C-alpha atoms as a PDB file:
ATOM      1  CA  MET A   1     117.045 103.227  50.659  1.00  0.00           C
ATOM      2  CA  ALA A   2     115.228 105.485  47.924  1.00  0.00           C
ATOM      3  CA  SER A   3     114.030 108.846  49.027  1.00  0.00           C
ATOM      4  CA  TYR A   4     110.718 110.262  48.752  1.00  0.00           C
ATOM      5  CA  ASP A   5     109.429 113.991  47.745  1.00  0.00           C
ATOM      6  CA  PHE A   6     106.687 113.251  49.722  1.00  0.00           C
ATOM      7  CA  ASN A   7     104.019 116.100  50.024  1.00  0.00           C
ATOM      8  CA  TYR A   8     101.249 116.139  52.467  1.00  0.00           C
ATOM      9  CA  ARG A   9      98.893 117.558  50.510  1.00  0.00           C
ATOM     10  CA  HIS A  10      98.989 115.277  47.424  1.00  0.00           C
ATOM     11  CA  LEU A  11      97.969 112.717  49.804  1.00  0.00           C
ATOM     12  CA  HIS A  12      95.050 114.614  51.118  1.00  0.00           C
ATOM     13  CA  TYR A  13      93.205 114.757  47.715  1.00  0.00           C
ATOM     14  CA  PHE A  14      93.789 111.354  47.255  1.00  0.00           C
ATOM     15  CA  TRP A  15      92.555 110.344  50.590  1.00  0.00           C
ATOM     16  CA  THR A  16      89.791 112.656  49.770  1.00  0.00           C
ATOM     17  CA  VAL A  17      89.400 110.699  46.368  1.00  0.00           C
ATOM     18  CA  ALA A  18      89.239 107.753  47.044  1.00  0.00           C
ATOM     19  CA  ARG A  19      86.966 108.182  49.368  1.00  0.00           C
ATOM     20  CA  GLU A  20      84.217 110.293  47.446  1.00  0.00           C
ATOM     21  CA  GLY A  21      84.315 107.820  44.696  1.00  0.00           C
ATOM     22  CA  GLY A  22      85.402 110.094  41.953  1.00  0.00           C
ATOM     23  CA  PHE A  23      87.437 113.354  41.230  1.00  0.00           C
ATOM     24  CA  SER A  24      84.438 115.791  40.571  1.00  0.00           C
ATOM     25  CA  ARG A  25      82.814 114.705  44.461  1.00  0.00           C
ATOM     26  CA  ALA A  26      86.235 115.191  45.722  1.00  0.00           C
ATOM     27  CA  ALA A  27      86.438 118.284  44.114  1.00  0.00           C
ATOM     28  CA  ALA A  28      83.488 119.488  45.312  1.00  0.00           C
ATOM     29  CA  ARG A  29      83.897 118.227  49.024  1.00  0.00           C
ATOM     30  CA  LEU A  30      87.854 120.554  48.923  1.00  0.00           C
ATOM     31  CA  GLY A  31      86.251 123.457  47.077  1.00  0.00           C
ATOM     32  CA  VAL A  32      88.871 123.316  43.989  1.00  0.00           C
ATOM     33  CA  ALA A  33      88.343 122.594  40.548  1.00  0.00           C
ATOM     34  CA  VAL A  34      88.881 118.908  39.460  1.00  0.00           C
ATOM     35  CA  GLN A  35      91.575 120.173  37.289  1.00  0.00           C
ATOM     36  CA  THR A  36      93.189 121.219  40.543  1.00  0.00           C
ATOM     37  CA  VAL A  37      92.549 117.303  42.029  1.00  0.00           C
ATOM     38  CA  SER A  38      93.742 115.539  39.481  1.00  0.00           C
ATOM     39  CA  ALA A  39      96.996 117.140  39.007  1.00  0.00           C
ATOM     40  CA  GLN A  40      97.343 116.914  43.076  1.00  0.00           C
ATOM     41  CA  VAL A  41      96.700 113.008  42.546  1.00  0.00           C
ATOM     42  CA  ARG A  42      99.496 112.491  40.194  1.00  0.00           C
ATOM     43  CA  GLU A  43     101.894 114.140  41.401  1.00  0.00           C
ATOM     44  CA  LEU A  44     101.406 112.042  44.388  1.00  0.00           C
ATOM     45  CA  GLU A  45     101.347 108.726  41.578  1.00  0.00           C
ATOM     46  CA  LYS A  46     104.540 110.088  40.286  1.00  0.00           C
ATOM     47  CA  SER A  47     106.501 111.118  43.698  1.00  0.00           C
ATOM     48  CA  LEU A  48     105.774 107.393  44.394  1.00  0.00           C
ATOM     49  CA  GLY A  49     106.263 105.665  41.534  1.00  0.00           C
ATOM     50  CA  HIS A  50     103.061 103.738  41.063  1.00  0.00           C
ATOM     51  CA  GLN A  51      99.180 104.336  39.666  1.00  0.00           C
ATOM     52  CA  LEU A  52      96.936 104.790  42.698  1.00  0.00           C
ATOM     53  CA  LEU A  53      93.766 105.204  41.142  1.00  0.00           C
ATOM     54  CA  LYS A  54      92.438 103.476  38.040  1.00  0.00           C
ATOM     55  CA  PRO A  55      89.049 104.759  35.381  1.00  0.00           C
ATOM     56  CA  GLU A  56      86.312 102.517  36.945  1.00  0.00           C
ATOM     57  CA  GLY A  57      83.125 103.545  34.879  1.00  0.00           C
ATOM     58  CA  ARG A  58      82.095 107.230  35.571  1.00  0.00           C
ATOM     59  CA  SER A  59      84.163 107.132  39.348  1.00  0.00           C
ATOM     60  CA  VAL A  60      87.868 105.552  39.962  1.00  0.00           C
ATOM     61  CA  ALA A  61      88.853 102.511  41.814  1.00  0.00           C
ATOM     62  CA  LEU A  62      91.955 101.544  43.651  1.00  0.00           C
ATOM     63  CA  THR A  63      94.486  99.684  42.842  1.00  0.00           C
ATOM     64  CA  GLU A  64      96.822  97.628  45.045  1.00  0.00           C
ATOM     65  CA  ALA A  65      99.143 100.346  45.838  1.00  0.00           C
ATOM     66  CA  GLY A  66      95.997 102.536  45.905  1.00  0.00           C
ATOM     67  CA  MET A  67      94.633 100.189  48.706  1.00  0.00           C
ATOM     68  CA  ALA A  68      98.158 100.306  50.457  1.00  0.00           C
ATOM     69  CA  ALA A  69      98.195 103.484  50.480  1.00  0.00           C
ATOM     70  CA  LEU A  70      94.108 104.713  51.728  1.00  0.00           C
ATOM     71  CA  GLN A  71      95.242 102.519  54.599  1.00  0.00           C
ATOM     72  CA  ARG A  72      98.277 104.644  56.148  1.00  0.00           C
ATOM     73  CA  ALA A  73      96.169 107.507  54.755  1.00  0.00           C
ATOM     74  CA  GLU A  74      93.401 106.722  56.375  1.00  0.00           C
ATOM     75  CA  GLU A  75      95.770 106.119  59.677  1.00  0.00           C
ATOM     76  CA  ILE A  76      97.454 109.552  58.859  1.00  0.00           C
ATOM     77  CA  PHE A  77      94.513 111.706  58.655  1.00  0.00           C
ATOM     78  CA  GLN A  78      92.488 109.916  61.404  1.00  0.00           C
ATOM     79  CA  LEU A  79      95.940 110.794  64.014  1.00  0.00           C
ATOM     80  CA  GLY A  80      95.756 114.478  62.366  1.00  0.00           C
ATOM     81  CA  GLN A  81      91.888 114.589  63.392  1.00  0.00           C
ATOM     82  CA  GLU A  82      93.094 114.292  67.186  1.00  0.00           C
ATOM     83  CA  LEU A  83      95.886 115.726  67.304  1.00  0.00           C
ATOM     84  CA  PRO A  84      93.789 118.819  67.896  1.00  0.00           C
ATOM     85  CA  GLU A  85      92.102 116.900  71.055  1.00  0.00           C
ATOM     86  CA  LEU A  86      95.935 115.564  72.378  1.00  0.00           C
ATOM     87  CA  VAL A  87      97.442 119.475  71.937  1.00  0.00           C
ATOM     88  CA  ARG A  88      94.325 120.694  74.106  1.00  0.00           C
ATOM     89  CA  GLN A  89      94.656 118.107  76.514  1.00  0.00           C
ATOM     90  CA  ALA A  90      98.603 118.999  76.974  1.00  0.00           C
ATOM     91  CA  ALA A  91      97.974 122.545  77.285  1.00  0.00           C
ATOM     92  CA  THR A  92      95.183 122.280  79.972  1.00  0.00           C
ATOM     93  CA  GLU A  93      97.342 118.986  81.770  1.00  0.00           C
ATOM     94  CA  PRO A  94     101.114 118.335  81.310  1.00  0.00           C
ATOM     95  CA  ALA A  95     101.813 115.340  82.139  1.00  0.00           C
ATOM     96  CA  VAL A  96     104.699 115.459  85.408  1.00  0.00           C
ATOM     97  CA  ARG A  97     107.430 112.738  83.591  1.00  0.00           C
ATOM     98  CA  LEU A  98     109.222 110.690  86.825  1.00  0.00           C
ATOM     99  CA  ALA A  99     111.638 108.932  85.351  1.00  0.00           C
ATOM    100  CA  VAL A 100     113.545 106.135  87.484  1.00  0.00           C
ATOM    101  CA  GLY A 101     116.301 103.865  87.020  1.00  0.00           C
ATOM    102  CA  LEU A 102     116.231 100.829  88.883  1.00  0.00           C
ATOM    103  CA  SER A 103     119.155  98.944  90.018  1.00  0.00           C
ATOM    104  CA  ASP A 104     118.892  94.794  89.352  1.00  0.00           C
ATOM    105  CA  GLY A 105     119.685  93.869  92.950  1.00  0.00           C
ATOM    106  CA  ILE A 106     117.397  96.036  94.357  1.00  0.00           C
ATOM    107  CA  SER A 107     114.125  95.032  96.057  1.00  0.00           C
ATOM    108  CA  LYS A 108     111.467  96.152  94.132  1.00  0.00           C
ATOM    109  CA  LEU A 109     108.965  96.269  96.820  1.00  0.00           C
ATOM    110  CA  ALA A 110     110.531  99.049  99.078  1.00  0.00           C
ATOM    111  CA  ALA A 111     111.705 100.262  95.464  1.00  0.00           C
ATOM    112  CA  HIS A 112     107.885 101.001  95.237  1.00  0.00           C
ATOM    113  CA  ALA A 113     107.522 102.066  98.985  1.00  0.00           C
ATOM    114  CA  MET A 114     110.144 104.949  98.299  1.00  0.00           C
ATOM    115  CA  VAL A 115     108.281 106.337  95.336  1.00  0.00           C
ATOM    116  CA  GLU A 116     104.908 105.787  96.528  1.00  0.00           C
ATOM    117  CA  PRO A 117     104.461 109.192  98.314  1.00  0.00           C
ATOM    118  CA  VAL A 118     104.427 110.691  94.477  1.00  0.00           C
ATOM    119  CA  LEU A 119     101.894 108.298  92.938  1.00  0.00           C
ATOM    120  CA  GLN A 120      98.744 110.373  93.609  1.00  0.00           C
ATOM    121  CA  THR A 121     100.628 113.191  90.944  1.00  0.00           C
ATOM    122  CA  PRO A 122      98.303 114.603  88.771  1.00  0.00           C
ATOM    123  CA  ALA A 123      99.110 113.740  85.544  1.00  0.00           C
ATOM    124  CA  LEU A 124     102.109 111.485  86.614  1.00  0.00           C
ATOM    125  CA  ARG A 125     103.970 109.532  83.770  1.00  0.00           C
ATOM    126  CA  LEU A 126     105.860 107.193  85.688  1.00  0.00           C
ATOM    127  CA  VAL A 127     108.854 105.802  83.738  1.00  0.00           C
ATOM    128  CA  CYS A 128     110.844 102.876  85.106  1.00  0.00           C
ATOM    129  CA  HIS A 129     113.981 101.419  84.252  1.00  0.00           C
ATOM    130  CA  GLU A 130     115.561  98.218  85.588  1.00  0.00           C
ATOM    131  CA  GLY A 131     119.254  97.393  85.102  1.00  0.00           C
ATOM    132  CA  GLU A 132     123.003  97.258  86.054  1.00  0.00           C
ATOM    133  CA  LEU A 133     123.985  99.786  87.858  1.00  0.00           C
ATOM    134  CA  GLU A 134     126.957 101.242  85.795  1.00  0.00           C
ATOM    135  CA  GLN A 135     124.396 101.151  82.875  1.00  0.00           C
ATOM    136  CA  LEU A 136     122.333 103.207  85.028  1.00  0.00           C
ATOM    137  CA  LEU A 137     124.595 105.460  86.246  1.00  0.00           C
ATOM    138  CA  GLY A 138     125.524 106.064  82.650  1.00  0.00           C
ATOM    139  CA  GLU A 139     122.133 106.899  81.840  1.00  0.00           C
ATOM    140  CA  LEU A 140     121.497 109.251  85.116  1.00  0.00           C
ATOM    141  CA  ALA A 141     124.970 111.157  83.181  1.00  0.00           C
ATOM    142  CA  MET A 142     123.354 112.320  80.221  1.00  0.00           C
ATOM    143  CA  HIS A 143     120.131 112.883  82.305  1.00  0.00           C
ATOM    144  CA  HIS A 144     117.895 110.070  80.331  1.00  0.00           C
ATOM    145  CA  LEU A 145     117.039 109.131  84.166  1.00  0.00           C
ATOM    146  CA  ASP A 146     115.719 111.681  86.552  1.00  0.00           C
ATOM    147  CA  MET A 147     117.076 109.230  89.633  1.00  0.00           C
ATOM    148  CA  VAL A 148     118.713 106.121  90.600  1.00  0.00           C
ATOM    149  CA  LEU A 149     117.286 103.767  92.971  1.00  0.00           C
ATOM    150  CA  ALA A 150     120.105 101.805  94.348  1.00  0.00           C
ATOM    151  CA  GLY A 151     121.106  98.912  97.316  1.00  0.00           C
ATOM    152  CA  GLN A 152     124.614 100.755  97.272  1.00  0.00           C
ATOM    153  CA  PRO A 153     126.301 103.984  97.151  1.00  0.00           C
ATOM    154  CA  ALA A 154     127.114 105.563  93.777  1.00  0.00           C
ATOM    155  CA  PRO A 155     131.097 105.283  93.074  1.00  0.00           C
ATOM    156  CA  SER A 156     132.685 108.067  93.224  1.00  0.00           C
ATOM    157  CA  ARG A 157     133.448 109.538  89.795  1.00  0.00           C
ATOM    158  CA  PRO A 158     133.801 113.051  90.294  1.00  0.00           C
ATOM    159  CA  ALA A 159     133.392 113.303  86.362  1.00  0.00           C
ATOM    160  CA  LEU A 160     129.569 112.519  86.718  1.00  0.00           C
ATOM    161  CA  ARG A 161     128.252 114.743  89.285  1.00  0.00           C
ATOM    162  CA  LEU A 162     126.055 112.730  90.789  1.00  0.00           C
ATOM    163  CA  ALA A 163     125.316 112.681  94.411  1.00  0.00           C
ATOM    164  CA  SER A 164     124.114 109.835  96.638  1.00  0.00           C
ATOM    165  CA  HIS A 165     122.208 109.408  99.743  1.00  0.00           C
ATOM    166  CA  ARG A 166     120.889 106.685 101.844  1.00  0.00           C
ATOM    167  CA  ILE A 167     117.760 107.506 102.019  1.00  0.00           C
ATOM    168  CA  ALA A 168     116.320 104.278 103.316  1.00  0.00           C
ATOM    169  CA  GLU A 169     117.371 101.772 106.132  1.00  0.00           C
ATOM    170  CA  ALA A 170     115.337  99.114 107.400  1.00  0.00           C
ATOM    171  CA  PRO A 171     115.177  95.818 108.939  1.00  0.00           C
ATOM    172  CA  VAL A 172     115.011  92.529 107.159  1.00  0.00           C
ATOM    173  CA  ASP A 173     111.339  90.095 108.293  1.00  0.00           C
ATOM    174  CA  TRP A 174     111.449  86.540 106.981  1.00  0.00           C
ATOM    175  CA  TRP A 175     107.824  84.935 105.229  1.00  0.00           C
ATOM    176  CA  GLY A 176     106.447  82.906 103.596  1.00  0.00           C
ATOM    177  CA  PRO A 177     103.157  80.871 102.723  1.00  0.00           C
ATOM    178  CA  ALA A 178     100.801  79.934 106.111  1.00  0.00           C
ATOM    179  CA  ALA A 179     101.288  75.626 104.549  1.00  0.00           C
ATOM    180  CA  LEU A 180     105.659  76.201 105.637  1.00  0.00           C
ATOM    181  CA  VAL A 181     104.954  79.221 108.388  1.00  0.00           C
ATOM    182  CA  ARG A 182     103.951  76.996 111.318  1.00  0.00           C
ATOM    183  CA  ALA A 183     103.786  78.049 115.315  1.00  0.00           C
ATOM    184  CA  ALA A 184     106.730  75.836 116.163  1.00  0.00           C
ATOM    185  CA  ALA A 185     109.001  77.569 112.648  1.00  0.00           C
ATOM    186  CA  MET A 186     107.726  81.057 113.989  1.00  0.00           C
ATOM    187  CA  ARG A 187     109.030  79.662 118.268  1.00  0.00           C
ATOM    188  CA  GLU A 188     112.421  78.697 116.548  1.00  0.00           C
ATOM    189  CA  PHE A 189     113.172  81.025 114.026  1.00  0.00           C
ATOM    190  CA  PRO A 190     116.027  81.842 113.291  1.00  0.00           C
ATOM    191  CA  GLN A 191     117.038  78.002 113.401  1.00  0.00           C
ATOM    192  CA  SER A 192     113.525  76.656 111.644  1.00  0.00           C
ATOM    193  CA  LEU A 193     115.440  78.030 108.929  1.00  0.00           C
ATOM    194  CA  ALA A 194     117.832  75.094 108.125  1.00  0.00           C
ATOM    195  CA  ASP A 195     114.493  73.235 108.319  1.00  0.00           C
ATOM    196  CA  LEU A 196     112.764  75.007 105.391  1.00  0.00           C
ATOM    197  CA  PRO A 197     112.593  75.578 101.610  1.00  0.00           C
ATOM    198  CA  VAL A 198     114.343  79.249 101.514  1.00  0.00           C
ATOM    199  CA  LEU A 199     113.969  81.506  98.512  1.00  0.00           C
ATOM    200  CA  LEU A 200     116.854  84.236  98.163  1.00  0.00           C
ATOM    201  CA  PRO A 201     117.733  87.309  95.410  1.00  0.00           C
ATOM    202  CA  THR A 202     120.760  86.499  93.176  1.00  0.00           C
ATOM    203  CA  SER A 203     124.231  87.930  93.437  1.00  0.00           C
ATOM    204  CA  HIS A 204     123.025  91.146  91.604  1.00  0.00           C
ATOM    205  CA  SER A 205     121.547  92.254  95.187  1.00  0.00           C
ATOM    206  CA  ALA A 206     123.646  94.138  97.149  1.00  0.00           C
ATOM    207  CA  LEU A 207     121.410  92.580 100.554  1.00  0.00           C
ATOM    208  CA  ARG A 208     122.856  88.664  99.315  1.00  0.00           C
ATOM    209  CA  PRO A 209     126.586  89.083 100.816  1.00  0.00           C
ATOM    210  CA  GLN A 210     123.895  90.177 104.030  1.00  0.00           C
ATOM    211  CA  LEU A 211     122.492  87.633 104.334  1.00  0.00           C
ATOM    212  CA  ASP A 212     125.474  85.185 103.477  1.00  0.00           C
ATOM    213  CA  ARG A 213     127.392  86.841 106.107  1.00  0.00           C
ATOM    214  CA  TRP A 214     123.450  86.838 108.545  1.00  0.00           C
ATOM    215  CA  PHE A 215     123.611  82.705 107.760  1.00  0.00           C
ATOM    216  CA  GLU A 216     126.799  82.040 108.774  1.00  0.00           C
ATOM    217  CA  ARG A 217     126.428  84.259 112.107  1.00  0.00           C
ATOM    218  CA  HIS A 218     123.459  82.051 113.334  1.00  0.00           C
ATOM    219  CA  GLY A 219     125.304  78.645 112.082  1.00  0.00           C
ATOM    220  CA  LEU A 220     122.413  77.968 109.576  1.00  0.00           C
ATOM    221  CA  ARG A 221     122.422  76.292 105.979  1.00  0.00           C
ATOM    222  CA  PRO A 222     119.489  77.013 104.609  1.00  0.00           C
ATOM    223  CA  ARG A 223     118.004  75.001 101.755  1.00  0.00           C
ATOM    224  CA  VAL A 224     118.278  77.588  98.923  1.00  0.00           C
ATOM    225  CA  ALA A 225     115.069  76.388  96.684  1.00  0.00           C
ATOM    226  CA  GLY A 226     115.134  79.504  94.221  1.00  0.00           C
ATOM    227  CA  GLU A 227     117.265  82.555  93.431  1.00  0.00           C
ATOM    228  CA  PHE A 228     115.641  85.543  92.230  1.00  0.00           C
ATOM    229  CA  GLU A 229     116.295  88.941  90.413  1.00  0.00           C
ATOM    230  CA  ASP A 230     113.165  90.654  91.034  1.00  0.00           C
ATOM    231  CA  SER A 231     112.078  90.466  94.268  1.00  0.00           C
ATOM    232  CA  ALA A 232     107.943  90.996  93.601  1.00  0.00           C
ATOM    233  CA  LEU A 233     108.564  87.787  91.375  1.00  0.00           C
ATOM    234  CA  LEU A 234     110.170  85.701  94.494  1.00  0.00           C
ATOM    235  CA  ALA A 235     107.292  87.031  96.759  1.00  0.00           C
ATOM    236  CA  VAL A 236     104.650  85.583  94.134  1.00  0.00           C
ATOM    237  CA  PHE A 237     106.193  82.158  93.904  1.00  0.00           C
ATOM    238  CA  ALA A 238     106.413  82.814  97.507  1.00  0.00           C
ATOM    239  CA  ALA A 239     103.279  83.015  98.093  1.00  0.00           C
ATOM    240  CA  ARG A 240     102.587  79.907  95.487  1.00  0.00           C
ATOM    241  CA  GLY A 241     104.264  77.974  98.289  1.00  0.00           C
ATOM    242  CA  LEU A 242     107.598  77.611  97.037  1.00  0.00           C
ATOM    243  CA  GLY A 243     109.405  78.774 100.293  1.00  0.00           C
ATOM    244  CA  VAL A 244     110.304  81.503 102.521  1.00  0.00           C
ATOM    245  CA  PHE A 245     111.826  85.100 101.991  1.00  0.00           C
ATOM    246  CA  PRO A 246     113.513  88.049 103.180  1.00  0.00           C
ATOM    247  CA  VAL A 247     112.272  91.596 103.228  1.00  0.00           C
ATOM    248  CA  SER A 248     113.029  94.795 104.405  1.00  0.00           C
ATOM    249  CA  ARG A 249     110.302  95.756 106.483  1.00  0.00           C
ATOM    250  CA  LEU A 250     110.214  98.541 103.594  1.00  0.00           C
ATOM    251  CA  GLY A 251     108.267  96.488 100.950  1.00  0.00           C
ATOM    252  CA  ALA A 252     106.668  94.007 103.768  1.00  0.00           C
ATOM    253  CA  GLY A 253     103.805  96.646 103.237  1.00  0.00           C
ATOM    254  CA  ASP A 254     102.993  95.604  99.421  1.00  0.00           C
ATOM    255  CA  LEU A 255     103.178  91.962 101.752  1.00  0.00           C
ATOM    256  CA  GLY A 256      99.813  92.360 103.083  1.00  0.00           C
ATOM    257  CA  LEU A 257      98.439  92.751  99.229  1.00  0.00           C
ATOM    258  CA  MET A 258      99.153  88.819  98.951  1.00  0.00           C
ATOM    259  CA  ARG A 259      96.899  86.581 100.595  1.00  0.00           C
ATOM    260  CA  GLY A 260      98.714  83.502 102.383  1.00  0.00           C
ATOM    261  CA  LEU A 261     102.135  84.931 103.275  1.00  0.00           C
ATOM    262  CA  ARG A 262     102.739  85.044 107.137  1.00  0.00           C
ATOM    263  CA  LEU A 263     105.506  86.704 108.937  1.00  0.00           C
ATOM    264  CA  LEU A 264     107.714  84.045 110.292  1.00  0.00           C
ATOM    265  CA  GLY A 265     110.715  86.140 112.393  1.00  0.00           C
ATOM    266  CA  ARG A 266     112.498  89.482 112.562  1.00  0.00           C
ATOM    267  CA  SER A 267     116.204  89.643 111.596  1.00  0.00           C
ATOM    268  CA  ASP A 268     117.092  93.011 113.441  1.00  0.00           C
ATOM    269  CA  ASP A 269     120.125  92.664 112.964  1.00  0.00           C
ATOM    270  CA  LEU A 270     120.089  92.243 108.538  1.00  0.00           C
ATOM    271  CA  GLN A 271     119.845  95.859 107.799  1.00  0.00           C
ATOM    272  CA  GLU A 272     118.738  96.200 103.786  1.00  0.00           C
ATOM    273  CA  GLU A 273     120.112 100.034 102.237  1.00  0.00           C
ATOM    274  CA  ILE A 274     118.150 102.124  99.568  1.00  0.00           C
ATOM    275  CA  HIS A 275     120.726 104.653  98.446  1.00  0.00           C
ATOM    276  CA  LEU A 276     118.934 107.903  95.790  1.00  0.00           C
ATOM    277  CA  ILE A 277     121.370 108.813  93.353  1.00  0.00           C
ATOM    278  CA  ARG A 278     120.605 111.593  91.257  1.00  0.00           C
ATOM    279  CA  SER A 279     122.036 114.058  89.146  1.00  0.00           C
ATOM    280  CA  ARG A 280     122.688 117.793  89.650  1.00  0.00           C
ATOM    281  CA  ARG A 281     119.991 118.825  87.336  1.00  0.00           C
ATOM    282  CA  GLY A 282     117.734 116.202  89.217  1.00  0.00           C
ATOM    283  CA  GLN A 283     118.289 118.834  92.450  1.00  0.00           C
ATOM    284  CA  ASN A 284     115.383 120.667  90.683  1.00  0.00           C
ATOM    285  CA  HIS A 285     112.819 117.857  90.015  1.00  0.00           C
ATOM    286  CA  PRO A 286     109.946 118.480  92.472  1.00  0.00           C
ATOM    287  CA  LEU A 287     109.081 114.783  92.903  1.00  0.00           C
ATOM    288  CA  VAL A 288     112.242 113.723  93.063  1.00  0.00           C
ATOM    289  CA  GLN A 289     112.612 116.808  95.897  1.00  0.00           C
ATOM    290  CA  GLN A 290     109.214 115.116  97.381  1.00  0.00           C
ATOM    291  CA  ILE A 291     111.179 112.035  97.596  1.00  0.00           C
ATOM    292  CA  GLU A 292     113.851 112.717  99.515  1.00  0.00           C
ATOM    293  CA  ALA A 293     111.661 115.103 101.567  1.00  0.00           C
ATOM    294  CA  HIS A 294     109.489 112.125 102.645  1.00  0.00           C
ATOM    295  CA  ALA A 295     112.522 110.037 103.216  1.00  0.00           C
ATOM    296  CA  ARG A 296     114.013 112.659 105.683  1.00  0.00           C
ATOM    297  CA  GLN A 297     110.715 112.469 107.712  1.00  0.00           C
ATOM    298  CA  ARG A 298     110.041 108.974 107.475  1.00  0.00           C
ATOM    299  CA  GLY A 299     113.905 108.714 109.147  1.00  0.00           C
END
């Protein structure tokens, strides 16, 4: 790849010539001699290896290369004009960044409930990454993330220097569309699950093995109509009539926003856990501290 000795002063002179339509008017605008402007533009053409301007009567016109250069110059100097305001905003309203990793097996509705206490933080910039737990723990150890929410604690690896706390545990309820959640199905719960289409989290979820054991304890063989890694997507398909599904009470509050979903039944003997995993540096992040404190108050 070619390497260019590029000078933004040269580009600014060219940009001014192109906008003013000639060297004389550009020189007047810049408050310098015409010879200075001409020399600066020639230096730019030399560094780029292409002619950018060509004579046209008493003014100049852009070559094809010049039009391409002008387009980029317009973008560059537009950003330059915006820079003072961006800096002012950053200085007077500094953003509070919180980078959260979400294990791909965790209930996103429950995760939202855990993060909700800090969502009204002024100038919050929330960054969420979803992925396999091992990948997220690596990013956490390298300080690319401030915290990770997962359905299980972090594995014991002293070299990673991670701290793991169970910040929530809640029973699991079953919800579904009104067309499926009728009075008889509610009365006969949980046995009615054997006669209803059921939507479940995939095996990525820490809740899935518990669900399988719960079905076995109750002698149920549900008809699985769908499996989803994303619990929020699962709830959307349920609301459209595809089936009934489990969700912890941590995230059930969000379901009230989804018209048509009804509570089928409660399974108090089935629990979903949420673990907050952070690095030692993460313990000093004020929003991580706030999330942990709110979880302790929630009990």
